[in-house]
Amino acid sequence: MWVLVTHGLKAYVFPEGYIRLSSFEYSVKDTKDSSFIHLTNNAVQKFSTDYGKVADGNQMSFKDLK
């Protein structure tokens, strides 16, 4: 979600946003020591073999999430 706060403390909220996704499904039982499971940052995820498998660029809009 994007929010702009001015020096006068006015906040402007852009109504559209996106969700960042992991390349792998998280599981409490999963013992893999993989940053791909825990970090949704694009700089990390883009090196995963499953990058973009669920959604383009591992991102999904709020609208598509619904």
N, C-alpha and C. Protein backbone atom coordinates (compact mmCIF):
# COMPACT_ATOMS: atom_id res chain seq x y z
N MET A 1 0.86 -1.16 0.00
CA MET A 1 0.00 0.00 0.00
C MET A 1 0.91 1.23 0.00
N TRP A 2 0.55 2.20 -0.80
CA TRP A 2 1.35 3.43 -0.90
C TRP A 2 0.67 4.56 -0.14
N VAL A 3 1.44 5.24 0.72
CA VAL A 3 0.93 6.36 1.50
C VAL A 3 1.96 7.48 1.42
N LEU A 4 1.48 8.68 1.14
CA LEU A 4 2.34 9.87 1.12
C LEU A 4 1.95 10.73 2.30
N VAL A 5 2.91 11.08 3.14
CA VAL A 5 2.67 11.96 4.28
C VAL A 5 3.49 13.22 4.05
N THR A 6 2.81 14.37 4.05
CA THR A 6 3.48 15.65 3.81
C THR A 6 4.10 16.18 5.10
N HIS A 7 4.88 17.24 4.95
CA HIS A 7 5.47 17.88 6.14
C HIS A 7 4.39 18.43 7.06
N GLY A 8 3.24 18.77 6.50
CA GLY A 8 2.11 19.26 7.30
C GLY A 8 1.28 18.13 7.89
N LEU A 9 1.78 16.90 7.78
CA LEU A 9 1.15 15.69 8.30
C LEU A 9 -0.20 15.36 7.65
N LYS A 10 -0.36 15.74 6.39
CA LYS A 10 -1.51 15.28 5.62
C LYS A 10 -1.11 13.94 4.99
N ALA A 11 -2.03 13.00 5.04
CA ALA A 11 -1.75 11.67 4.48
C ALA A 11 -2.62 11.44 3.25
N TYR A 12 -2.00 10.95 2.20
CA TYR A 12 -2.68 10.60 0.97
C TYR A 12 -2.45 9.11 0.74
N VAL A 13 -3.55 8.36 0.64
CA VAL A 13 -3.46 6.92 0.49
C VAL A 13 -3.87 6.53 -0.93
N PHE A 14 -3.00 5.81 -1.62
CA PHE A 14 -3.33 5.29 -2.95
C PHE A 14 -4.13 4.01 -2.73
N PRO A 15 -5.35 3.92 -3.26
CA PRO A 15 -6.23 2.80 -2.92
C PRO A 15 -5.80 1.44 -3.45
N GLU A 16 -4.91 1.41 -4.43
CA GLU A 16 -4.48 0.13 -4.97
C GLU A 16 -3.12 -0.24 -4.38
N GLY A 17 -2.91 -1.49 -4.17
CA GLY A 17 -1.66 -1.96 -3.62
C GLY A 17 -1.38 -3.36 -4.12
N TYR A 18 -0.38 -3.98 -3.56
CA TYR A 18 -0.07 -5.35 -3.97
C TYR A 18 0.44 -6.16 -2.80
N ILE A 19 0.35 -7.45 -2.97
CA ILE A 19 0.82 -8.41 -1.99
C ILE A 19 2.07 -9.06 -2.57
N ARG A 20 3.12 -9.18 -1.78
CA ARG A 20 4.31 -9.91 -2.22
C ARG A 20 4.19 -11.36 -1.77
N LEU A 21 4.51 -12.26 -2.67
CA LEU A 21 4.35 -13.69 -2.40
C LEU A 21 5.70 -14.38 -2.32
N SER A 22 5.74 -15.48 -1.62
CA SER A 22 6.93 -16.32 -1.54
C SER A 22 6.89 -17.34 -2.68
N SER A 23 8.04 -17.81 -3.09
CA SER A 23 8.11 -18.83 -4.14
C SER A 23 7.71 -20.21 -3.62
N PHE A 24 7.76 -20.41 -2.32
CA PHE A 24 7.44 -21.70 -1.72
C PHE A 24 6.39 -21.52 -0.64
N GLU A 25 5.52 -22.52 -0.51
CA GLU A 25 4.50 -22.49 0.53
C GLU A 25 5.16 -22.68 1.89
N TYR A 26 4.78 -21.84 2.84
CA TYR A 26 5.35 -21.92 4.19
C TYR A 26 4.72 -23.06 4.97
N SER A 27 5.53 -23.75 5.72
CA SER A 27 5.06 -24.81 6.59
C SER A 27 5.87 -24.77 7.88
N VAL A 28 5.20 -24.92 9.00
CA VAL A 28 5.89 -24.95 10.30
C VAL A 28 6.80 -26.18 10.36
N LYS A 29 6.39 -27.25 9.73
CA LYS A 29 7.15 -28.50 9.74
C LYS A 29 8.36 -28.44 8.80
N ASP A 30 8.38 -27.49 7.89
CA ASP A 30 9.47 -27.39 6.91
C ASP A 30 10.77 -27.03 7.62
N THR A 31 11.77 -27.84 7.42
CA THR A 31 13.05 -27.59 8.08
C THR A 31 14.08 -27.00 7.13
N LYS A 32 13.68 -26.68 5.92
CA LYS A 32 14.62 -26.09 4.97
C LYS A 32 15.13 -24.77 5.52
N ASP A 33 16.40 -24.54 5.33
CA ASP A 33 16.96 -23.24 5.70
C ASP A 33 17.02 -22.41 4.43
N SER A 34 15.86 -21.97 4.00
CA SER A 34 15.76 -21.28 2.72
C SER A 34 15.19 -19.88 2.90
N SER A 35 15.89 -18.90 2.41
CA SER A 35 15.39 -17.53 2.47
C SER A 35 14.20 -17.36 1.54
N PHE A 36 14.03 -18.25 0.56
CA PHE A 36 12.89 -18.14 -0.36
C PHE A 36 11.57 -18.41 0.35
N ILE A 37 11.60 -19.17 1.43
CA ILE A 37 10.38 -19.46 2.18
C ILE A 37 10.01 -18.29 3.08
N HIS A 38 11.01 -17.62 3.64
CA HIS A 38 10.76 -16.63 4.68
C HIS A 38 10.79 -15.18 4.21
N LEU A 39 11.48 -14.88 3.12
CA LEU A 39 11.61 -13.50 2.67
C LEU A 39 10.86 -13.30 1.35
N THR A 40 9.98 -12.30 1.30
CA THR A 40 9.22 -12.06 0.08
C THR A 40 9.80 -10.92 -0.74
N ASN A 41 10.95 -10.43 -0.36
CA ASN A 41 11.60 -9.36 -1.09
C ASN A 41 11.96 -9.83 -2.50
N ASN A 42 11.65 -9.01 -3.50
CA ASN A 42 11.92 -9.36 -4.90
C ASN A 42 13.40 -9.62 -5.16
N ALA A 43 14.27 -8.90 -4.47
CA ALA A 43 15.71 -9.07 -4.67
C ALA A 43 16.16 -10.47 -4.27
N VAL A 44 15.45 -11.11 -3.35
CA VAL A 44 15.75 -12.48 -2.94
C VAL A 44 14.99 -13.48 -3.81
N GLN A 45 13.70 -13.26 -3.98
CA GLN A 45 12.83 -14.20 -4.68
C GLN A 45 13.21 -14.43 -6.14
N LYS A 46 13.74 -13.43 -6.81
CA LYS A 46 14.02 -13.56 -8.25
C LYS A 46 15.06 -14.63 -8.57
N PHE A 47 15.79 -15.12 -7.59
CA PHE A 47 16.77 -16.18 -7.80
C PHE A 47 16.20 -17.58 -7.56
N SER A 48 14.94 -17.65 -7.15
CA SER A 48 14.30 -18.94 -6.90
C SER A 48 13.91 -19.60 -8.22
N THR A 49 13.98 -20.92 -8.25
CA THR A 49 13.57 -21.66 -9.45
C THR A 49 12.07 -21.56 -9.68
N ASP A 50 11.29 -21.31 -8.63
CA ASP A 50 9.84 -21.20 -8.74
C ASP A 50 9.34 -19.75 -8.80
N TYR A 51 10.24 -18.82 -9.05
CA TYR A 51 9.88 -17.40 -9.11
C TYR A 51 8.80 -17.18 -10.18
N GLY A 52 7.71 -16.55 -9.80
CA GLY A 52 6.62 -16.25 -10.72
C GLY A 52 5.68 -17.41 -10.98
N LYS A 53 5.84 -18.50 -10.27
CA LYS A 53 4.99 -19.69 -10.47
C LYS A 53 3.53 -19.42 -10.11
N VAL A 54 3.31 -18.73 -9.01
CA VAL A 54 1.96 -18.45 -8.53
C VAL A 54 1.39 -17.19 -9.17
N ALA A 55 2.22 -16.16 -9.27
CA ALA A 55 1.79 -14.89 -9.85
C ALA A 55 3.00 -14.22 -10.52
N ASP A 56 2.75 -13.44 -11.53
CA ASP A 56 3.82 -12.77 -12.26
C ASP A 56 4.66 -11.92 -11.31
N GLY A 57 5.95 -12.19 -11.27
CA GLY A 57 6.85 -11.43 -10.41
C GLY A 57 6.63 -11.62 -8.93
N ASN A 58 5.92 -12.72 -8.57
CA ASN A 58 5.60 -13.00 -7.16
C ASN A 58 4.84 -11.85 -6.49
N GLN A 59 4.05 -11.15 -7.27
CA GLN A 59 3.21 -10.07 -6.73
C GLN A 59 1.79 -10.24 -7.23
N MET A 60 0.85 -9.84 -6.39
CA MET A 60 -0.56 -9.93 -6.74
C MET A 60 -1.26 -8.67 -6.24
N SER A 61 -2.11 -8.10 -7.07
CA SER A 61 -2.83 -6.89 -6.67
C SER A 61 -3.91 -7.25 -5.64
N PHE A 62 -4.35 -6.26 -4.89
CA PHE A 62 -5.44 -6.47 -3.93
C PHE A 62 -6.67 -6.99 -4.66
N LYS A 63 -6.91 -6.44 -5.85
CA LYS A 63 -8.09 -6.84 -6.65
C LYS A 63 -8.00 -8.32 -7.03
N ASP A 64 -6.82 -8.78 -7.48
CA ASP A 64 -6.67 -10.17 -7.86
C ASP A 64 -6.71 -11.11 -6.65
N LEU A 65 -6.29 -10.62 -5.49
CA LEU A 65 -6.33 -11.42 -4.28
C LEU A 65 -7.75 -11.78 -3.90
N LYS A 66 -8.68 -10.86 -4.10
CA LYS A 66 -10.09 -11.11 -3.76
C LYS A 66 -10.62 -12.20 -4.63
